[in-house]
PDB file of N, CA and C in Angstrom:
ATOM      1  N   MET A   1      -3.149  24.658   7.124  1.00  0.00           N
ATOM      2  CA  MET A   1      -3.827  23.422   6.830  1.00  0.00           C
ATOM      3  C   MET A   1      -3.532  22.400   7.922  1.00  0.00           C
ATOM      4  N   ARG A   2      -4.571  21.824   8.480  1.00  0.00           N
ATOM      5  CA  ARG A   2      -4.433  20.881   9.568  1.00  0.00           C
ATOM      6  C   ARG A   2      -4.027  19.500   9.040  1.00  0.00           C
ATOM      7  N   GLN A   3      -3.026  18.924   9.657  1.00  0.00           N
ATOM      8  CA  GLN A   3      -2.584  17.585   9.270  1.00  0.00           C
ATOM      9  C   GLN A   3      -3.515  16.560   9.902  1.00  0.00           C
ATOM     10  N   LYS A   4      -3.926  15.589   9.137  1.00  0.00           N
ATOM     11  CA  LYS A   4      -4.811  14.543   9.623  1.00  0.00           C
ATOM     12  C   LYS A   4      -3.986  13.321   9.997  1.00  0.00           C
ATOM     13  N   ASN A   5      -4.405  12.688  11.055  1.00  0.00           N
ATOM     14  CA  ASN A   5      -3.740  11.459  11.476  1.00  0.00           C
ATOM     15  C   ASN A   5      -4.667  10.286  11.242  1.00  0.00           C
ATOM     16  N   ILE A   6      -4.145   9.262  10.639  1.00  0.00           N
ATOM     17  CA  ILE A   6      -4.899   8.026  10.461  1.00  0.00           C
ATOM     18  C   ILE A   6      -4.030   6.878  10.924  1.00  0.00           C
ATOM     19  N   GLU A   7      -4.678   5.798  11.271  1.00  0.00           N
ATOM     20  CA  GLU A   7      -3.955   4.583  11.612  1.00  0.00           C
ATOM     21  C   GLU A   7      -4.358   3.533  10.602  1.00  0.00           C
ATOM     22  N   LEU A   8      -3.388   3.012   9.920  1.00  0.00           N
ATOM     23  CA  LEU A   8      -3.624   1.984   8.912  1.00  0.00           C
ATOM     24  C   LEU A   8      -2.879   0.735   9.350  1.00  0.00           C
ATOM     25  N   HIS A   9      -3.633  -0.304   9.590  1.00  0.00           N
ATOM     26  CA  HIS A   9      -3.046  -1.565  10.041  1.00  0.00           C
ATOM     27  C   HIS A   9      -3.281  -2.606   8.962  1.00  0.00           C
ATOM     28  N   ILE A  10      -2.215  -3.129   8.435  1.00  0.00           N
ATOM     29  CA  ILE A  10      -2.310  -4.206   7.449  1.00  0.00           C
ATOM     30  C   ILE A  10      -1.929  -5.482   8.167  1.00  0.00           C
ATOM     31  N   GLU A  11      -2.943  -6.284   8.433  1.00  0.00           N
ATOM     32  CA  GLU A  11      -2.709  -7.517   9.179  1.00  0.00           C
ATOM     33  C   GLU A  11      -1.956  -8.547   8.352  1.00  0.00           C
ATOM     34  N   GLU A  12      -2.336  -8.648   7.098  1.00  0.00           N
ATOM     35  CA  GLU A  12      -1.700  -9.631   6.236  1.00  0.00           C
ATOM     36  C   GLU A  12      -1.619  -9.089   4.823  1.00  0.00           C
ATOM     37  N   LEU A  13      -0.463  -9.213   4.236  1.00  0.00           N
ATOM     38  CA  LEU A  13      -0.245  -8.807   2.853  1.00  0.00           C
ATOM     39  C   LEU A  13       0.195 -10.047   2.093  1.00  0.00           C
ATOM     40  N   VAL A  14      -0.632 -10.495   1.165  1.00  0.00           N
ATOM     41  CA  VAL A  14      -0.348 -11.720   0.430  1.00  0.00           C
ATOM     42  C   VAL A  14       0.186 -11.355  -0.947  1.00  0.00           C
ATOM     43  N   LEU A  15       1.421 -11.732  -1.207  1.00  0.00           N
ATOM     44  CA  LEU A  15       2.063 -11.512  -2.499  1.00  0.00           C
ATOM     45  C   LEU A  15       2.548 -12.858  -3.005  1.00  0.00           C
ATOM     46  N   LEU A  16       2.079 -13.227  -4.148  1.00  0.00           N
ATOM     47  CA  LEU A  16       2.463 -14.517  -4.711  1.00  0.00           C
ATOM     48  C   LEU A  16       3.533 -14.336  -5.780  1.00  0.00           C
ATOM     49  N   GLY A  17       4.502 -15.226  -5.778  1.00  0.00           N
ATOM     50  CA  GLY A  17       5.514 -15.231  -6.821  1.00  0.00           C
ATOM     51  C   GLY A  17       6.754 -14.405  -6.525  1.00  0.00           C
ATOM     52  N   PHE A  18       6.933 -14.004  -5.276  1.00  0.00           N
ATOM     53  CA  PHE A  18       8.109 -13.212  -4.910  1.00  0.00           C
ATOM     54  C   PHE A  18       8.991 -14.000  -3.964  1.00  0.00           C
ATOM     55  N   GLU A  19      10.258 -13.660  -3.943  1.00  0.00           N
ATOM     56  CA  GLU A  19      11.216 -14.341  -3.080  1.00  0.00           C
ATOM     57  C   GLU A  19      10.918 -14.037  -1.608  1.00  0.00           C
ATOM     58  N   PRO A  20      10.902 -15.070  -0.756  1.00  0.00           N
ATOM     59  CA  PRO A  20      10.639 -14.846   0.670  1.00  0.00           C
ATOM     60  C   PRO A  20      11.614 -13.851   1.307  1.00  0.00           C
ATOM     61  N   GLY A  21      12.842 -13.827   0.846  1.00  0.00           N
ATOM     62  CA  GLY A  21      13.839 -12.920   1.398  1.00  0.00           C
ATOM     63  C   GLY A  21      13.574 -11.450   1.105  1.00  0.00           C
ATOM     64  N   ASP A  22      12.681 -11.184   0.155  1.00  0.00           N
ATOM     65  CA  ASP A  22      12.371  -9.802  -0.213  1.00  0.00           C
ATOM     66  C   ASP A  22      11.211  -9.218   0.586  1.00  0.00           C
ATOM     67  N   ARG A  23      10.535 -10.034   1.384  1.00  0.00           N
ATOM     68  CA  ARG A  23       9.294  -9.572   2.003  1.00  0.00           C
ATOM     69  C   ARG A  23       9.457  -8.368   2.918  1.00  0.00           C
ATOM     70  N   GLU A  24      10.523  -8.296   3.688  1.00  0.00           N
ATOM     71  CA  GLU A  24      10.710  -7.148   4.592  1.00  0.00           C
ATOM     72  C   GLU A  24      10.929  -5.858   3.796  1.00  0.00           C
ATOM     73  N   ARG A  25      11.751  -5.931   2.764  1.00  0.00           N
ATOM     74  CA  ARG A  25      12.002  -4.743   1.943  1.00  0.00           C
ATOM     75  C   ARG A  25      10.753  -4.326   1.185  1.00  0.00           C
ATOM     76  N   ILE A  26       9.973  -5.286   0.711  1.00  0.00           N
ATOM     77  CA  ILE A  26       8.713  -4.960   0.044  1.00  0.00           C
ATOM     78  C   ILE A  26       7.775  -4.288   1.030  1.00  0.00           C
ATOM     79  N   ALA A  27       7.641  -4.850   2.226  1.00  0.00           N
ATOM     80  CA  ALA A  27       6.748  -4.286   3.253  1.00  0.00           C
ATOM     81  C   ALA A  27       7.171  -2.860   3.627  1.00  0.00           C
ATOM     82  N   GLU A  28       8.451  -2.630   3.794  1.00  0.00           N
ATOM     83  CA  GLU A  28       8.943  -1.286   4.123  1.00  0.00           C
ATOM     84  C   GLU A  28       8.637  -0.302   3.001  1.00  0.00           C
ATOM     85  N   ALA A  29       8.790  -0.745   1.761  1.00  0.00           N
ATOM     86  CA  ALA A  29       8.490   0.122   0.618  1.00  0.00           C
ATOM     87  C   ALA A  29       7.002   0.406   0.519  1.00  0.00           C
ATOM     88  N   VAL A  30       6.161  -0.580   0.833  1.00  0.00           N
ATOM     89  CA  VAL A  30       4.705  -0.364   0.846  1.00  0.00           C
ATOM     90  C   VAL A  30       4.366   0.721   1.864  1.00  0.00           C
ATOM     91  N   GLU A  31       4.894   0.589   3.068  1.00  0.00           N
ATOM     92  CA  GLU A  31       4.626   1.563   4.126  1.00  0.00           C
ATOM     93  C   GLU A  31       5.086   2.960   3.726  1.00  0.00           C
ATOM     94  N   SER A  32       6.275   3.057   3.214  1.00  0.00           N
ATOM     95  CA  SER A  32       6.837   4.350   2.820  1.00  0.00           C
ATOM     96  C   SER A  32       6.014   5.006   1.711  1.00  0.00           C
ATOM     97  N   GLU A  33       5.643   4.221   0.713  1.00  0.00           N
ATOM     98  CA  GLU A  33       4.887   4.769  -0.419  1.00  0.00           C
ATOM     99  C   GLU A  33       3.470   5.151  -0.004  1.00  0.00           C
ATOM    100  N   LEU A  34       2.840   4.372   0.872  1.00  0.00           N
ATOM    101  CA  LEU A  34       1.509   4.748   1.358  1.00  0.00           C
ATOM    102  C   LEU A  34       1.567   6.065   2.132  1.00  0.00           C
ATOM    103  N   GLU A  35       2.588   6.241   2.962  1.00  0.00           N
ATOM    104  CA  GLU A  35       2.759   7.513   3.676  1.00  0.00           C
ATOM    105  C   GLU A  35       2.896   8.658   2.681  1.00  0.00           C
ATOM    106  N   PHE A  36       3.689   8.451   1.646  1.00  0.00           N
ATOM    107  CA  PHE A  36       3.878   9.464   0.615  1.00  0.00           C
ATOM    108  C   PHE A  36       2.559   9.783  -0.077  1.00  0.00           C
ATOM    109  N   LEU A  37       1.818   8.753  -0.478  1.00  0.00           N
ATOM    110  CA  LEU A  37       0.559   8.963  -1.190  1.00  0.00           C
ATOM    111  C   LEU A  37      -0.461   9.701  -0.325  1.00  0.00           C
ATOM    112  N   PHE A  38      -0.562   9.324   0.937  1.00  0.00           N
ATOM    113  CA  PHE A  38      -1.498  10.019   1.823  1.00  0.00           C
ATOM    114  C   PHE A  38      -1.086  11.470   2.028  1.00  0.00           C
ATOM    115  N   ALA A  39       0.214  11.718   2.150  1.00  0.00           N
ATOM    116  CA  ALA A  39       0.692  13.085   2.340  1.00  0.00           C
ATOM    117  C   ALA A  39       0.493  13.931   1.083  1.00  0.00           C
ATOM    118  N   ARG A  40       0.729  13.355  -0.064  1.00  0.00           N
ATOM    119  CA  ARG A  40       0.659  14.105  -1.317  1.00  0.00           C
ATOM    120  C   ARG A  40      -0.751  14.203  -1.887  1.00  0.00           C
ATOM    121  N   GLN A  41      -1.477  13.101  -1.862  1.00  0.00           N
ATOM    122  CA  GLN A  41      -2.797  13.074  -2.487  1.00  0.00           C
ATOM    123  C   GLN A  41      -3.935  13.173  -1.483  1.00  0.00           C
ATOM    124  N   GLY A  42      -3.601  13.121  -0.212  1.00  0.00           N
ATOM    125  CA  GLY A  42      -4.611  13.301   0.810  1.00  0.00           C
ATOM    126  C   GLY A  42      -5.148  12.003   1.378  1.00  0.00           C
ATOM    127  N   VAL A  43      -5.752  12.155   2.530  1.00  0.00           N
ATOM    128  CA  VAL A  43      -6.401  11.030   3.192  1.00  0.00           C
ATOM    129  C   VAL A  43      -7.765  10.851   2.555  1.00  0.00           C
ATOM    130  N   LEU A  44      -8.068   9.663   2.196  1.00  0.00           N
ATOM    131  CA  LEU A  44      -9.326   9.373   1.528  1.00  0.00           C
ATOM    132  C   LEU A  44     -10.489   9.493   2.503  1.00  0.00           C
ATOM    133  N   GLN A  45     -11.616   9.981   2.017  1.00  0.00           N
ATOM    134  CA  GLN A  45     -12.787  10.176   2.861  1.00  0.00           C
ATOM    135  C   GLN A  45     -13.177   8.898   3.588  1.00  0.00           C
ATOM    136  N   LEU A  46     -13.030   7.781   2.921  1.00  0.00           N
ATOM    137  CA  LEU A  46     -13.358   6.492   3.514  1.00  0.00           C
ATOM    138  C   LEU A  46     -12.585   6.283   4.815  1.00  0.00           C
ATOM    139  N   LEU A  47     -11.300   6.593   4.804  1.00  0.00           N
ATOM    140  CA  LEU A  47     -10.467   6.406   5.992  1.00  0.00           C
ATOM    141  C   LEU A  47     -10.661   7.536   6.989  1.00  0.00           C
ATOM    142  N   GLU A  48     -10.884   8.723   6.477  1.00  0.00           N
ATOM    143  CA  GLU A  48     -11.070   9.879   7.337  1.00  0.00           C
ATOM    144  C   GLU A  48     -12.289   9.704   8.238  1.00  0.00           C
ATOM    145  N   ALA A  49     -13.284   9.009   7.737  1.00  0.00           N
ATOM    146  CA  ALA A  49     -14.512   8.786   8.490  1.00  0.00           C
ATOM    147  C   ALA A  49     -14.343   7.681   9.533  1.00  0.00           C
ATOM    148  N   GLY A  50     -13.182   7.094   9.608  1.00  0.00           N
ATOM    149  CA  GLY A  50     -12.925   6.054  10.589  1.00  0.00           C
ATOM    150  C   GLY A  50     -13.441   4.696  10.166  1.00  0.00           C
ATOM    151  N   SER A  51     -13.617   4.516   8.884  1.00  0.00           N
ATOM    152  CA  SER A  51     -14.121   3.246   8.378  1.00  0.00           C
ATOM    153  C   SER A  51     -13.116   2.124   8.597  1.00  0.00           C
ATOM    154  N   GLU A  52     -13.649   0.933   8.717  1.00  0.00           N
ATOM    155  CA  GLU A  52     -12.805  -0.243   8.836  1.00  0.00           C
ATOM    156  C   GLU A  52     -13.073  -1.142   7.636  1.00  0.00           C
ATOM    157  N   ILE A  53     -12.010  -1.615   7.038  1.00  0.00           N
ATOM    158  CA  ILE A  53     -12.120  -2.477   5.864  1.00  0.00           C
ATOM    159  C   ILE A  53     -11.602  -3.848   6.262  1.00  0.00           C
ATOM    160  N   ASP A  54     -12.473  -4.837   6.174  1.00  0.00           N
ATOM    161  CA  ASP A  54     -12.073  -6.187   6.574  1.00  0.00           C
ATOM    162  C   ASP A  54     -11.104  -6.818   5.589  1.00  0.00           C
ATOM    163  N   LYS A  55     -11.344  -6.594   4.307  1.00  0.00           N
ATOM    164  CA  LYS A  55     -10.512  -7.207   3.279  1.00  0.00           C
ATOM    165  C   LYS A  55     -10.474  -6.300   2.068  1.00  0.00           C
ATOM    166  N   LEU A  56      -9.301  -6.134   1.503  1.00  0.00           N
ATOM    167  CA  LEU A  56      -9.143  -5.312   0.313  1.00  0.00           C
ATOM    168  C   LEU A  56      -8.312  -6.081  -0.698  1.00  0.00           C
ATOM    169  N   ASP A  57      -8.859  -6.271  -1.866  1.00  0.00           N
ATOM    170  CA  ASP A  57      -8.133  -6.918  -2.952  1.00  0.00           C
ATOM    171  C   ASP A  57      -7.461  -5.821  -3.763  1.00  0.00           C
ATOM    172  N   GLY A  58      -6.150  -5.770  -3.701  1.00  0.00           N
ATOM    173  CA  GLY A  58      -5.400  -4.753  -4.425  1.00  0.00           C
ATOM    174  C   GLY A  58      -5.296  -5.026  -5.909  1.00  0.00           C
ATOM    175  N   GLY A  59      -5.830  -6.162  -6.337  1.00  0.00           N
ATOM    176  CA  GLY A  59      -5.776  -6.493  -7.756  1.00  0.00           C
ATOM    177  C   GLY A  59      -4.429  -7.087  -8.133  1.00  0.00           C
ATOM    178  N   SER A  60      -4.145  -7.048  -9.401  1.00  0.00           N
ATOM    179  CA  SER A  60      -2.883  -7.578  -9.889  1.00  0.00           C
ATOM    180  C   SER A  60      -2.179  -6.499 -10.710  1.00  0.00           C
ATOM    181  N   PHE A  61      -0.902  -6.688 -10.898  1.00  0.00           N
ATOM    182  CA  PHE A  61      -0.108  -5.744 -11.677  1.00  0.00           C
ATOM    183  C   PHE A  61       1.093  -6.491 -12.242  1.00  0.00           C
ATOM    184  N   ASP A  62       1.644  -5.945 -13.294  1.00  0.00           N
ATOM    185  CA  ASP A  62       2.817  -6.550 -13.922  1.00  0.00           C
ATOM    186  C   ASP A  62       4.079  -6.024 -13.257  1.00  0.00           C
ATOM    187  N   VAL A  63       5.022  -6.909 -13.080  1.00  0.00           N
ATOM    188  CA  VAL A  63       6.316  -6.553 -12.501  1.00  0.00           C
ATOM    189  C   VAL A  63       7.389  -6.915 -13.515  1.00  0.00           C
ATOM    190  N   ALA A  64       8.244  -5.974 -13.818  1.00  0.00           N
ATOM    191  CA  ALA A  64       9.342  -6.233 -14.745  1.00  0.00           C
ATOM    192  C   ALA A  64      10.298  -7.261 -14.134  1.00  0.00           C
ATOM    193  N   ALA A  65      10.857  -8.082 -14.977  1.00  0.00           N
ATOM    194  CA  ALA A  65      11.815  -9.077 -14.509  1.00  0.00           C
ATOM    195  C   ALA A  65      12.949  -8.401 -13.751  1.00  0.00           C
ATOM    196  N   ASN A  66      13.366  -9.024 -12.673  1.00  0.00           N
ATOM    197  CA  ASN A  66      14.475  -8.539 -11.838  1.00  0.00           C
ATOM    198  C   ASN A  66      14.195  -7.202 -11.172  1.00  0.00           C
ATOM    199  N   SER A  67      12.922  -6.876 -10.934  1.00  0.00           N
ATOM    200  CA  SER A  67      12.592  -5.636 -10.227  1.00  0.00           C
ATOM    201  C   SER A  67      13.074  -5.712  -8.784  1.00  0.00           C
ATOM    202  N   ARG A  68      13.554  -4.588  -8.291  1.00  0.00           N
ATOM    203  CA  ARG A  68      13.985  -4.508  -6.901  1.00  0.00           C
ATOM    204  C   ARG A  68      12.766  -4.544  -5.988  1.00  0.00           C
ATOM    205  N   ALA A  69      12.963  -5.026  -4.778  1.00  0.00           N
ATOM    206  CA  ALA A  69      11.880  -5.127  -3.797  1.00  0.00           C
ATOM    207  C   ALA A  69      11.243  -3.769  -3.537  1.00  0.00           C
ATOM    208  N   GLU A  70      12.032  -2.715  -3.547  1.00  0.00           N
ATOM    209  CA  GLU A  70      11.508  -1.377  -3.293  1.00  0.00           C
ATOM    210  C   GLU A  70      10.536  -0.943  -4.395  1.00  0.00           C
ATOM    211  N   VAL A  71      10.834  -1.295  -5.612  1.00  0.00           N
ATOM    212  CA  VAL A  71       9.954  -0.962  -6.743  1.00  0.00           C
ATOM    213  C   VAL A  71       8.653  -1.755  -6.636  1.00  0.00           C
ATOM    214  N   ILE A  72       8.769  -3.012  -6.272  1.00  0.00           N
ATOM    215  CA  ILE A  72       7.589  -3.852  -6.106  1.00  0.00           C
ATOM    216  C   ILE A  72       6.707  -3.296  -4.985  1.00  0.00           C
ATOM    217  N   GLY A  73       7.315  -2.903  -3.888  1.00  0.00           N
ATOM    218  CA  GLY A  73       6.567  -2.335  -2.766  1.00  0.00           C
ATOM    219  C   GLY A  73       5.806  -1.088  -3.162  1.00  0.00           C
ATOM    220  N   LYS A  74       6.421  -0.239  -3.967  1.00  0.00           N
ATOM    221  CA  LYS A  74       5.728   0.966  -4.448  1.00  0.00           C
ATOM    222  C   LYS A  74       4.525   0.589  -5.300  1.00  0.00           C
ATOM    223  N   GLN A  75       4.684  -0.412  -6.150  1.00  0.00           N
ATOM    224  CA  GLN A  75       3.572  -0.854  -6.990  1.00  0.00           C
ATOM    225  C   GLN A  75       2.428  -1.395  -6.134  1.00  0.00           C
ATOM    226  N   VAL A  76       2.765  -2.153  -5.110  1.00  0.00           N
ATOM    227  CA  VAL A  76       1.744  -2.689  -4.207  1.00  0.00           C
ATOM    228  C   VAL A  76       0.998  -1.544  -3.528  1.00  0.00           C
ATOM    229  N   ALA A  77       1.733  -0.572  -3.008  1.00  0.00           N
ATOM    230  CA  ALA A  77       1.107   0.563  -2.315  1.00  0.00           C
ATOM    231  C   ALA A  77       0.187   1.340  -3.246  1.00  0.00           C
ATOM    232  N   ARG A  78       0.614   1.561  -4.457  1.00  0.00           N
ATOM    233  CA  ARG A  78      -0.220   2.295  -5.418  1.00  0.00           C
ATOM    234  C   ARG A  78      -1.478   1.510  -5.761  1.00  0.00           C
ATOM    235  N   ALA A  79      -1.354   0.199  -5.854  1.00  0.00           N
ATOM    236  CA  ALA A  79      -2.528  -0.635  -6.126  1.00  0.00           C
ATOM    237  C   ALA A  79      -3.512  -0.572  -4.958  1.00  0.00           C
ATOM    238  N   VAL A  80      -3.008  -0.646  -3.732  1.00  0.00           N
ATOM    239  CA  VAL A  80      -3.861  -0.562  -2.543  1.00  0.00           C
ATOM    240  C   VAL A  80      -4.527   0.807  -2.465  1.00  0.00           C
ATOM    241  N   TYR A  81      -3.757   1.850  -2.633  1.00  0.00           N
ATOM    242  CA  TYR A  81      -4.306   3.213  -2.557  1.00  0.00           C
ATOM    243  C   TYR A  81      -5.374   3.403  -3.624  1.00  0.00           C
ATOM    244  N   GLY A  82      -5.087   2.905  -4.823  1.00  0.00           N
ATOM    245  CA  GLY A  82      -6.057   3.028  -5.912  1.00  0.00           C
ATOM    246  C   GLY A  82      -7.363   2.314  -5.609  1.00  0.00           C
ATOM    247  N   ARG A  83      -7.304   1.154  -4.964  1.00  0.00           N
ATOM    248  CA  ARG A  83      -8.514   0.416  -4.614  1.00  0.00           C
ATOM    249  C   ARG A  83      -9.275   1.117  -3.489  1.00  0.00           C
ATOM    250  N   LEU A  84      -8.571   1.808  -2.614  1.00  0.00           N
ATOM    251  CA  LEU A  84      -9.245   2.551  -1.549  1.00  0.00           C
ATOM    252  C   LEU A  84     -10.055   3.716  -2.099  1.00  0.00           C
ATOM    253  N   LYS A  85      -9.670   4.226  -3.264  1.00  0.00           N
ATOM    254  CA  LYS A  85     -10.372   5.364  -3.871  1.00  0.00           C
ATOM    255  C   LYS A  85     -11.668   4.933  -4.536  1.00  0.00           C
ATOM    256  N   LEU A  86     -11.857   3.658  -4.799  1.00  0.00           N
ATOM    257  CA  LEU A  86     -13.058   3.190  -5.493  1.00  0.00           C
ATOM    258  C   LEU A  86     -14.290   3.316  -4.624  1.00  0.00           C
TER     259      LEU A  86
END
């Protein structure tokens, strides 16, 4: 099976209601989880075709009180991946 390469550039990730000090850990978790999702569930046809998306609204999700930045990042990545499948 041939591995596909894609380039995903997130210019800006807007998260409201989180501590500024958590942003790097959240961003790292988003990147890691997106890599995992693409590897496990595959590259979406939209991206495989070389499409460019100007803006993507990942929607909203509930976060448990005192969630670690890594958990939040995974939730963000899953929300983004889910919106890419639409």
